[in-house]
């Protein structure tokens, strides 16, 4: 029995020793911390995927491979399905997030696998360049730059040729905003269309010359030659060949030179009686090629509904008829004869000089237009018409007068003649005064 008891104690000791040998193997199945890798990861403990769950084959050198996690490997496997995420450059995998991407295209951000790197170096709109993207806290963060901040941003987002255009924007900006329009020089007449002359303007209807914006409707000395008159219309330049420049009302009480004036140059005359001769002097300027053999015909219209004769539509005008021809009919004005000059008499300069003077014509019934007149470039002429307001004209009303080339409007009307008829009360008083004076007998 003693021998059996000793044998039993021996077996018991062997079993205890065997049990002790099993303890390291059991603890080896837990996650292993590698101090060498811990230092390399700035305090974040490294674990290796191939040691997850088994604990076999553990060596500290094996820990320093692809994966850097904040928690245990098993916890991250449960969320991501794998402890390893392949990232290039300085990127590491930390708690499900990819940090410090540095533009690496293979890195995803957070559990949603949003790819930050592919969002870098792109334009979110013509006005915004996304230059750098990083991953922080599981979300992509951006550094955005307005296209006005640099030519590289402007060229990438809007395209080449929109930087530093001048015009109505600052020189070192991009012409890309909704209120900015890149325009180039377009010419209908007088200048040469050029795609290299451009500017950034606030309105798409502006005209460009020398990178300067001109509003549509602008009229003045042509930017390419101040001797000419040009206008901007819906983004295109045109040159005025002929323009009605000035007017002046006068009485039919003297010759072409000596007749008195009713008002100053380019001033409205008010109080004109009906059925009474009056004369209108007009100057016409040519700033382009010669206007040869033009027939300057007088036209009129009412100013009703407009504050200025200069804005009355061209279609509103009609020719002033002659008394001896088809008759005055329902017209508000009619050409009449004068005892102070003959139809077709030559004119002399009476109005403001607009260049070199060329002889014009005096016009009376039976004509309503001049004979042929040629005006060379940078020359001007003066023409004068004798007519009356008929009883068809309204009292106390503004009327407008202009000339055409045998019905074709001139290129421009700098001034349109404006005159106002007398009030009805004044006319009645004048007639009464005349009748009263007629009854007076002088001894």
Protein backbone atom coordinates (compact mmCIF):
# COMPACT_ATOMS: atom_id res chain seq x y z
CA UNK A 1 0.00 0.00 0.00
CA UNK A 2 2.86 2.35 0.77
CA UNK A 3 4.32 1.74 -2.66
CA UNK A 4 0.99 2.50 -4.30
CA UNK A 5 0.64 5.65 -2.28
CA UNK A 6 4.11 6.84 -3.37
CA UNK A 7 3.24 5.95 -6.92
CA UNK A 8 0.07 7.98 -6.63
CA UNK A 9 1.96 10.98 -5.27
CA UNK A 10 4.38 10.72 -8.19
CA UNK A 11 1.58 10.72 -10.73
CA UNK A 12 -0.04 13.64 -8.94
CA UNK A 13 3.22 15.62 -9.16
CA UNK A 14 3.54 14.82 -12.84
CA UNK A 15 -0.01 15.98 -13.41
CA UNK A 16 0.67 19.26 -11.56
CA UNK A 17 3.80 19.82 -13.62
CA UNK A 18 1.83 19.14 -16.79
CA UNK A 19 -0.80 21.62 -15.67
CA UNK A 20 1.85 24.23 -15.16
CA UNK A 21 3.11 23.70 -18.70
CA UNK A 22 -0.36 24.50 -20.01
CA UNK A 23 -0.61 27.94 -18.39
CA UNK A 24 1.70 29.86 -20.86
CA UNK A 25 -0.13 28.30 -23.81
CA UNK A 26 -3.48 29.51 -22.51
CA UNK A 27 -2.34 33.08 -21.94
CA UNK A 28 -0.62 33.09 -25.30
CA UNK A 29 -4.02 33.05 -26.99
CA UNK A 30 -4.64 36.60 -25.69
CA UNK A 31 -3.58 39.67 -27.68
CA UNK A 32 0.14 40.24 -27.49
CA UNK A 33 1.63 43.68 -26.87
CA UNK A 34 4.93 44.45 -28.55
CA UNK A 35 6.80 47.24 -26.83
CA UNK A 36 9.09 47.82 -29.80
CA UNK A 37 6.13 48.51 -32.08
CA UNK A 38 4.43 50.57 -29.39
CA UNK A 39 7.29 53.06 -29.48
CA UNK A 40 7.25 53.15 -33.26
CA UNK A 41 3.55 54.02 -33.33
CA UNK A 42 3.77 57.04 -31.05
CA UNK A 43 2.05 55.33 -28.11
CA UNK A 44 -0.44 53.29 -30.13
CA UNK A 45 -0.07 49.56 -29.54
CA UNK A 46 0.57 47.38 -32.59
CA UNK A 47 -1.15 44.02 -33.02
CA UNK A 48 -0.77 41.63 -35.86
CA UNK A 49 -3.63 40.05 -37.77
CA UNK A 50 -2.10 36.59 -38.05
CA UNK A 51 -1.92 36.28 -34.23
CA UNK A 52 -5.59 37.10 -33.67
CA UNK A 53 -7.43 34.38 -31.80
CA UNK A 54 -4.69 31.69 -31.80
CA UNK A 55 -1.84 33.13 -29.78
CA UNK A 56 0.60 30.73 -31.47
CA UNK A 57 3.81 31.72 -33.12
CA UNK A 58 4.03 34.96 -31.26
CA UNK A 59 7.15 37.02 -31.81
CA UNK A 60 7.57 40.73 -31.28
CA UNK A 61 9.01 41.19 -34.76
CA UNK A 62 5.82 39.81 -36.26
CA UNK A 63 3.81 42.58 -34.60
CA UNK A 64 5.48 45.35 -36.58
CA UNK A 65 3.63 44.71 -39.83
CA UNK A 66 0.73 46.44 -41.52
CA UNK A 67 -1.83 47.03 -38.81
CA UNK A 68 -1.89 49.69 -36.11
CA UNK A 69 -5.07 49.66 -34.00
CA UNK A 70 -6.06 51.42 -30.83
CA UNK A 71 -8.12 48.57 -29.43
CA UNK A 72 -7.69 44.84 -29.63
CA UNK A 73 -7.47 43.09 -32.94
CA UNK A 74 -10.55 41.02 -32.27
CA UNK A 75 -12.68 44.14 -31.70
CA UNK A 76 -11.66 45.61 -35.05
CA UNK A 77 -12.15 42.34 -36.87
CA UNK A 78 -15.72 42.31 -35.65
CA UNK A 79 -16.37 45.69 -37.28
CA UNK A 80 -14.24 45.64 -40.38
CA UNK A 81 -13.88 41.98 -41.13
CA UNK A 82 -10.12 42.24 -41.18
CA UNK A 83 -7.46 43.88 -39.08
CA UNK A 84 -5.34 44.93 -42.09
CA UNK A 85 -5.92 47.95 -44.32
CA UNK A 86 -3.39 48.63 -47.04
CA UNK A 87 -2.33 52.26 -47.01
CA UNK A 88 0.65 53.81 -48.72
CA UNK A 89 2.98 56.54 -47.59
CA UNK A 90 2.66 57.54 -43.94
CA UNK A 91 -0.89 56.26 -43.54
CA UNK A 92 -1.81 53.87 -40.76
CA UNK A 93 -5.03 52.20 -39.73
CA UNK A 94 -6.22 53.41 -36.36
CA UNK A 95 -9.49 52.45 -34.69
CA UNK A 96 -11.25 52.03 -38.04
CA UNK A 97 -9.97 55.33 -39.41
CA UNK A 98 -7.35 56.03 -42.02
CA UNK A 99 -5.26 58.99 -40.86
CA UNK A 100 -2.58 61.20 -42.45
CA UNK A 101 -3.54 60.18 -45.96
CA UNK A 102 -1.14 62.58 -47.67
CA UNK A 103 -3.02 62.07 -50.92
CA UNK A 104 -2.66 58.28 -50.98
CA UNK A 105 -5.25 56.96 -53.40
CA UNK A 106 -5.70 53.55 -51.74
CA UNK A 107 -6.86 54.88 -48.35
CA UNK A 108 -10.45 55.00 -47.19
CA UNK A 109 -11.79 57.21 -44.44
CA UNK A 110 -13.84 55.66 -41.63
CA UNK A 111 -16.09 52.61 -41.62
CA UNK A 112 -18.07 54.07 -44.54
CA UNK A 113 -15.03 53.61 -46.78
CA UNK A 114 -15.23 57.20 -48.11
CA UNK A 115 -12.21 57.81 -50.30
CA UNK A 116 -10.72 61.16 -49.28
CA UNK A 117 -7.78 61.07 -51.63
CA UNK A 118 -9.88 60.91 -54.80
CA UNK A 119 -11.63 64.12 -53.72
CA UNK A 120 -8.41 66.13 -53.82
CA UNK A 121 -7.28 68.20 -56.80
CA UNK A 122 -10.81 68.64 -58.19
CA UNK A 123 -13.24 71.54 -58.75
CA UNK A 124 -16.54 71.41 -56.94
CA UNK A 125 -17.70 74.32 -59.13
CA UNK A 126 -16.18 76.85 -61.54
CA UNK A 127 -15.49 79.04 -58.50
CA UNK A 128 -14.03 76.49 -56.08
CA UNK A 129 -10.88 74.36 -56.23
CA UNK A 130 -10.45 71.54 -53.67
CA UNK A 131 -6.71 71.43 -53.25
CA UNK A 132 -6.11 69.09 -50.26
CA UNK A 133 -8.21 66.49 -48.47
CA UNK A 134 -7.39 64.74 -45.20
CA UNK A 135 -9.15 62.24 -42.99
CA UNK A 136 -9.96 63.25 -39.45
CA UNK A 137 -12.20 61.44 -36.99
CA UNK A 138 -13.62 59.19 -39.66
CA UNK A 139 -14.61 61.96 -42.04
CA UNK A 140 -12.89 63.69 -44.96
CA UNK A 141 -11.91 67.31 -44.31
CA UNK A 142 -11.24 69.73 -47.15
CA UNK A 143 -9.14 72.77 -47.97
CA UNK A 144 -11.07 74.76 -50.60
CA UNK A 145 -9.79 77.75 -52.61
CA UNK A 146 -11.79 80.31 -54.57
CA UNK A 147 -10.84 80.52 -58.24
CA UNK A 148 -10.04 84.21 -57.74
CA UNK A 149 -7.10 83.28 -55.48
CA UNK A 150 -4.78 82.07 -58.21
CA UNK A 151 -4.44 81.40 -61.93
CA UNK A 152 -3.91 77.67 -61.35
CA UNK A 153 -7.27 77.43 -59.59
CA UNK A 154 -8.96 79.55 -62.29
CA UNK A 155 -7.46 77.58 -65.18
CA UNK A 156 -8.44 74.26 -63.62
CA UNK A 157 -12.01 75.14 -62.70
CA UNK A 158 -13.10 77.65 -65.37
CA UNK A 159 -10.61 76.94 -68.12
CA UNK A 160 -7.68 78.70 -69.73
CA UNK A 161 -8.16 82.30 -70.76
CA UNK A 162 -10.30 83.59 -67.88
CA UNK A 163 -7.55 84.94 -65.62
CA UNK A 164 -6.48 88.59 -65.44
CA UNK A 165 -8.79 89.85 -68.21
CA UNK A 166 -9.35 93.36 -66.91
CA UNK A 167 -12.55 95.13 -67.87
CA UNK A 168 -14.87 95.64 -64.91
CA UNK A 169 -13.16 93.17 -62.56
CA UNK A 170 -9.90 93.37 -60.66
CA UNK A 171 -6.87 92.54 -62.76
CA UNK A 172 -5.73 89.49 -60.77
CA UNK A 173 -9.04 87.64 -60.57
CA UNK A 174 -10.90 84.92 -62.42
CA UNK A 175 -13.84 85.80 -64.67
CA UNK A 176 -16.09 83.01 -63.47
CA UNK A 177 -18.85 84.39 -61.23
CA UNK A 178 -22.48 84.62 -62.35
CA UNK A 179 -22.22 88.40 -62.71
CA UNK A 180 -19.01 88.21 -64.75
CA UNK A 181 -18.94 87.70 -68.51
CA UNK A 182 -15.87 87.11 -70.66
CA UNK A 183 -16.36 89.11 -73.86
CA UNK A 184 -14.21 89.70 -76.93
CA UNK A 185 -14.26 92.54 -79.42
CA UNK A 186 -17.04 92.18 -81.99
CA UNK A 187 -17.50 94.73 -84.79
CA UNK A 188 -20.41 95.19 -87.17
CA UNK A 189 -18.74 98.13 -88.89
CA UNK A 190 -15.83 100.50 -88.37
CA UNK A 191 -13.45 98.18 -86.52
CA UNK A 192 -12.04 94.65 -86.75
CA UNK A 193 -13.40 91.77 -84.70
CA UNK A 194 -10.66 90.30 -82.49
CA UNK A 195 -10.80 87.32 -80.12
CA UNK A 196 -7.51 88.41 -78.54
CA UNK A 197 -9.02 91.67 -77.28
CA UNK A 198 -11.07 90.52 -74.29
CA UNK A 199 -12.36 91.67 -70.94
CA UNK A 200 -14.56 90.64 -68.03
CA UNK A 201 -17.78 92.70 -68.00
CA UNK A 202 -20.79 92.82 -65.70
CA UNK A 203 -23.29 92.55 -68.59
CA UNK A 204 -23.21 90.14 -71.53
CA UNK A 205 -24.40 92.94 -73.85
CA UNK A 206 -21.32 95.14 -73.25
CA UNK A 207 -18.80 95.89 -75.99
CA UNK A 208 -15.05 95.41 -75.59
CA UNK A 209 -12.24 97.54 -76.91
CA UNK A 210 -8.67 97.42 -75.49
CA UNK A 211 -9.99 95.25 -72.61
CA UNK A 212 -12.39 98.03 -71.59
CA UNK A 213 -16.13 97.44 -71.16
CA UNK A 214 -18.68 99.78 -72.79
CA UNK A 215 -22.38 99.52 -71.95
CA UNK A 216 -24.80 98.71 -74.71
CA UNK A 217 -26.26 101.98 -75.96
CA UNK A 218 -23.00 103.85 -75.41
CA UNK A 219 -22.30 106.38 -78.17
CA UNK A 220 -19.29 108.64 -78.54
CA UNK A 221 -15.90 109.06 -80.19
CA UNK A 222 -14.82 105.66 -81.48
CA UNK A 223 -12.21 104.13 -79.10
CA UNK A 224 -10.03 103.23 -82.09
CA UNK A 225 -10.32 106.68 -83.76
CA UNK A 226 -11.83 109.67 -81.95
CA UNK A 227 -12.59 111.32 -85.31
CA UNK A 228 -15.39 108.81 -85.82
CA UNK A 229 -18.63 108.34 -83.90
CA UNK A 230 -19.31 104.78 -82.78
CA UNK A 231 -21.98 103.02 -80.76
CA UNK A 232 -22.24 99.76 -78.82
CA UNK A 233 -25.35 97.69 -79.49
CA UNK A 234 -25.81 94.24 -77.92
CA UNK A 235 -22.06 93.51 -77.60
CA UNK A 236 -21.15 94.71 -81.11
CA UNK A 237 -19.53 97.92 -82.35
CA UNK A 238 -20.87 99.91 -85.28
CA UNK A 239 -19.64 103.13 -86.82
CA UNK A 240 -21.97 106.01 -87.49
CA UNK A 241 -21.51 107.23 -91.03
CA UNK A 242 -24.14 109.94 -90.87
CA UNK A 243 -25.58 111.66 -87.83
CA UNK A 244 -28.06 114.49 -87.44
CA UNK A 245 -26.01 116.61 -85.04
CA UNK A 246 -27.78 119.93 -84.32
CA UNK A 247 -30.99 121.86 -84.96
CA UNK A 248 -32.21 125.46 -84.62
CA UNK A 249 -35.62 127.03 -85.17
CA UNK A 250 -35.93 130.32 -87.03
CA UNK A 251 -38.49 132.71 -88.47
CA UNK A 252 -39.23 133.07 -92.17
CA UNK A 253 -38.40 136.76 -92.08
CA UNK A 254 -35.15 137.00 -94.00
CA UNK A 255 -32.61 135.39 -96.27
CA UNK A 256 -30.59 132.21 -95.63
CA UNK A 257 -28.12 134.35 -93.70
CA UNK A 258 -30.26 137.11 -92.16
CA UNK A 259 -33.46 135.41 -90.95
CA UNK A 260 -33.94 135.73 -87.19
CA UNK A 261 -33.78 132.79 -84.78
CA UNK A 262 -36.65 131.59 -82.60
CA UNK A 263 -34.44 129.83 -80.01
CA UNK A 264 -30.84 128.87 -79.33
CA UNK A 265 -29.21 125.88 -80.99
CA UNK A 266 -30.62 122.51 -79.86
CA UNK A 267 -33.31 124.24 -77.73
CA UNK A 268 -37.05 123.56 -77.88
CA UNK A 269 -39.21 126.43 -79.11
CA UNK A 270 -42.64 126.72 -77.44
CA UNK A 271 -45.68 128.60 -78.65
CA UNK A 272 -45.57 128.02 -82.40
CA UNK A 273 -48.76 129.14 -84.14
CA UNK A 274 -50.50 127.05 -86.79
CA UNK A 275 -50.73 128.15 -90.43
CA UNK A 276 -47.63 130.30 -90.02
CA UNK A 277 -44.34 129.83 -91.86
CA UNK A 278 -41.37 128.68 -89.82
CA UNK A 279 -37.97 127.33 -90.76
CA UNK A 280 -35.86 124.50 -89.37
CA UNK A 281 -32.06 124.38 -89.74
CA UNK A 282 -30.29 121.01 -89.32
CA UNK A 283 -26.64 119.95 -89.47
CA UNK A 284 -25.54 116.50 -90.68
CA UNK A 285 -22.10 115.05 -89.93
CA UNK A 286 -20.27 112.21 -91.69
CA UNK A 287 -17.49 110.32 -89.86
CA UNK A 288 -16.93 107.43 -92.26
CA UNK A 289 -16.66 106.87 -96.00
CA UNK A 290 -18.22 109.44 -98.32
CA UNK A 291 -22.04 109.60 -98.29
CA UNK A 292 -22.64 110.33 -101.95
CA UNK A 293 -25.72 111.89 -103.55
CA UNK A 294 -27.99 111.67 -100.52
CA UNK A 295 -31.46 113.26 -100.64
CA UNK A 296 -32.26 114.65 -97.18
CA UNK A 297 -36.02 114.44 -96.69
CA UNK A 298 -37.96 116.03 -93.78
CA UNK A 299 -40.08 113.84 -91.49
CA UNK A 300 -42.22 114.50 -88.40
CA UNK A 301 -44.16 112.79 -85.60
CA UNK A 302 -45.81 113.65 -82.30
CA UNK A 303 -43.76 113.31 -79.10
CA UNK A 304 -46.82 112.12 -77.15
CA UNK A 305 -45.90 109.48 -74.56
CA UNK A 306 -42.16 110.20 -74.62
CA UNK A 307 -40.10 112.64 -72.58
CA UNK A 308 -37.69 113.29 -75.46
CA UNK A 309 -37.79 113.27 -79.25
CA UNK A 310 -34.57 111.27 -79.18
CA UNK A 311 -36.37 108.13 -77.95
CA UNK A 312 -39.44 108.22 -80.20
CA UNK A 313 -39.44 105.03 -82.33
CA UNK A 314 -38.26 105.47 -85.91
CA UNK A 315 -41.41 103.80 -87.24
CA UNK A 316 -43.51 106.66 -85.82
CA UNK A 317 -42.17 109.18 -88.36
CA UNK A 318 -43.75 110.09 -91.68
CA UNK A 319 -42.70 112.44 -94.49
CA UNK A 320 -43.83 116.07 -94.37
CA UNK A 321 -45.97 116.42 -97.53
CA UNK A 322 -45.91 119.34 -100.01
CA UNK A 323 -48.77 121.74 -100.49
CA UNK A 324 -48.53 121.76 -104.28
CA UNK A 325 -48.19 118.03 -104.66
CA UNK A 326 -50.75 115.56 -103.31
CA UNK A 327 -51.72 118.13 -100.72
CA UNK A 328 -51.37 118.28 -96.97
CA UNK A 329 -54.24 115.87 -96.26
CA UNK A 330 -54.37 114.93 -92.58
CA UNK A 331 -50.71 115.73 -91.91
CA UNK A 332 -49.89 117.95 -88.94
CA UNK A 333 -47.27 119.86 -91.01
CA UNK A 334 -46.91 120.76 -94.67
CA UNK A 335 -44.17 122.29 -96.84
CA UNK A 336 -44.88 125.87 -97.96
CA UNK A 337 -43.24 128.51 -100.13
CA UNK A 338 -41.12 131.37 -98.84
CA UNK A 339 -40.58 134.84 -100.25
CA UNK A 340 -37.13 134.96 -98.69
CA UNK A 341 -35.29 132.24 -100.62
CA UNK A 342 -35.72 129.85 -103.54
CA UNK A 343 -35.94 126.08 -103.38
CA UNK A 344 -32.45 124.60 -103.81
CA UNK A 345 -30.51 127.70 -102.71
CA UNK A 346 -27.11 126.97 -101.18
CA UNK A 347 -26.56 127.11 -97.42
CA UNK A 348 -23.67 128.59 -95.48
CA UNK A 349 -22.45 127.51 -92.07
CA UNK A 350 -24.78 128.85 -89.36
CA UNK A 351 -24.50 126.16 -86.65
CA UNK A 352 -21.63 124.66 -84.62
CA UNK A 353 -18.75 123.35 -86.73
CA UNK A 354 -18.51 119.55 -86.92
CA UNK A 355 -15.47 119.36 -89.20
CA UNK A 356 -15.11 120.77 -92.69
CA UNK A 357 -18.23 122.42 -94.09
CA UNK A 358 -19.75 121.36 -97.38
CA UNK A 359 -22.55 123.35 -99.01
CA UNK A 360 -26.11 122.21 -98.29
CA UNK A 361 -29.56 123.15 -99.62
CA UNK A 362 -32.53 125.33 -98.72
CA UNK A 363 -35.88 123.54 -99.19
CA UNK A 364 -39.41 124.93 -99.75
CA UNK A 365 -42.57 123.80 -101.49
CA UNK A 366 -42.82 122.07 -103.98
CA UNK A 367 -40.03 119.98 -102.41
CA UNK A 368 -39.69 118.19 -99.08
CA UNK A 369 -36.17 116.92 -99.70
CA UNK A 370 -32.88 118.36 -100.91
CA UNK A 371 -31.20 117.75 -104.20
CA UNK A 372 -28.25 115.33 -104.17
CA UNK A 373 -25.61 116.18 -101.57
CA UNK A 374 -22.28 114.39 -101.04
CA UNK A 375 -20.62 114.59 -97.63
CA UNK A 376 -17.06 113.28 -97.46
CA UNK A 377 -15.48 111.74 -94.38
CA UNK A 378 -15.18 114.21 -91.46
CA UNK A 379 -17.25 116.81 -93.33
CA UNK A 380 -20.66 118.21 -92.40
CA UNK A 381 -23.44 120.13 -94.09
CA UNK A 382 -26.46 122.22 -93.14
CA UNK A 383 -29.94 122.03 -94.64
CA UNK A 384 -33.01 124.20 -93.99
CA UNK A 385 -36.76 123.64 -94.51
CA UNK A 386 -39.73 126.01 -94.71
CA UNK A 387 -43.14 124.67 -93.60
CA UNK A 388 -46.27 125.34 -91.51
CA UNK A 389 -48.24 123.46 -88.88
CA UNK A 390 -51.68 122.69 -90.28
CA UNK A 391 -54.97 122.83 -88.41
CA UNK A 392 -54.58 119.06 -87.94
CA UNK A 393 -51.86 119.71 -85.36
CA UNK A 394 -52.91 119.70 -81.72
CA UNK A 395 -52.43 122.77 -79.57
CA UNK A 396 -49.93 122.80 -76.72
CA UNK A 397 -48.27 119.66 -78.12
CA UNK A 398 -44.65 118.66 -78.76
CA UNK A 399 -43.68 117.54 -82.29
CA UNK A 400 -40.40 116.03 -83.48
CA UNK A 401 -38.57 116.57 -86.78
CA UNK A 402 -35.69 114.77 -88.47
CA UNK A 403 -34.25 114.07 -91.93
CA UNK A 404 -33.73 110.78 -93.74
CA UNK A 405 -31.99 109.77 -96.95
CA UNK A 406 -35.11 109.63 -99.14
CA UNK A 407 -36.93 107.73 -96.38
CA UNK A 408 -33.99 105.67 -95.04
CA UNK A 409 -33.07 106.77 -91.48
CA UNK A 410 -29.58 108.12 -90.88
CA UNK A 411 -27.16 106.08 -88.80
CA UNK A 412 -27.70 108.20 -85.70
CA UNK A 413 -29.57 111.21 -84.37
CA UNK A 414 -27.49 113.10 -81.83
CA UNK A 415 -30.20 115.75 -81.67
CA UNK A 416 -33.81 115.55 -82.87
CA UNK A 417 -35.64 118.85 -83.37
CA UNK A 418 -38.40 119.45 -80.82
CA UNK A 419 -41.07 122.20 -81.02
CA UNK A 420 -44.26 122.86 -79.06
CA UNK A 421 -47.39 124.38 -80.56
CA UNK A 422 -49.18 127.30 -78.93
CA UNK A 423 -52.07 126.84 -76.54
CA UNK A 424 -55.60 127.27 -77.89
CA UNK A 425 -56.33 130.13 -75.48
CA UNK A 426 -53.35 132.10 -76.72
CA UNK A 427 -54.41 131.67 -80.31
CA UNK A 428 -57.93 132.90 -79.55
CA UNK A 429 -56.57 135.93 -77.74
CA UNK A 430 -54.23 136.71 -80.63
CA UNK A 431 -57.07 136.50 -83.15
CA UNK A 432 -59.22 138.71 -80.93
CA UNK A 433 -56.43 141.23 -80.69
CA UNK A 434 -56.03 141.26 -84.46
CA UNK A 435 -59.77 141.83 -84.97
CA UNK A 436 -59.72 144.61 -82.39
CA UNK A 437 -56.77 146.31 -84.03
CA UNK A 438 -58.52 145.98 -87.37
CA UNK A 439 -61.45 148.05 -86.14
CA UNK A 440 -59.30 150.97 -85.01
CA UNK A 441 -59.40 153.95 -87.34
CA UNK A 442 -56.42 156.22 -87.46
CA UNK A 443 -56.76 159.90 -88.40
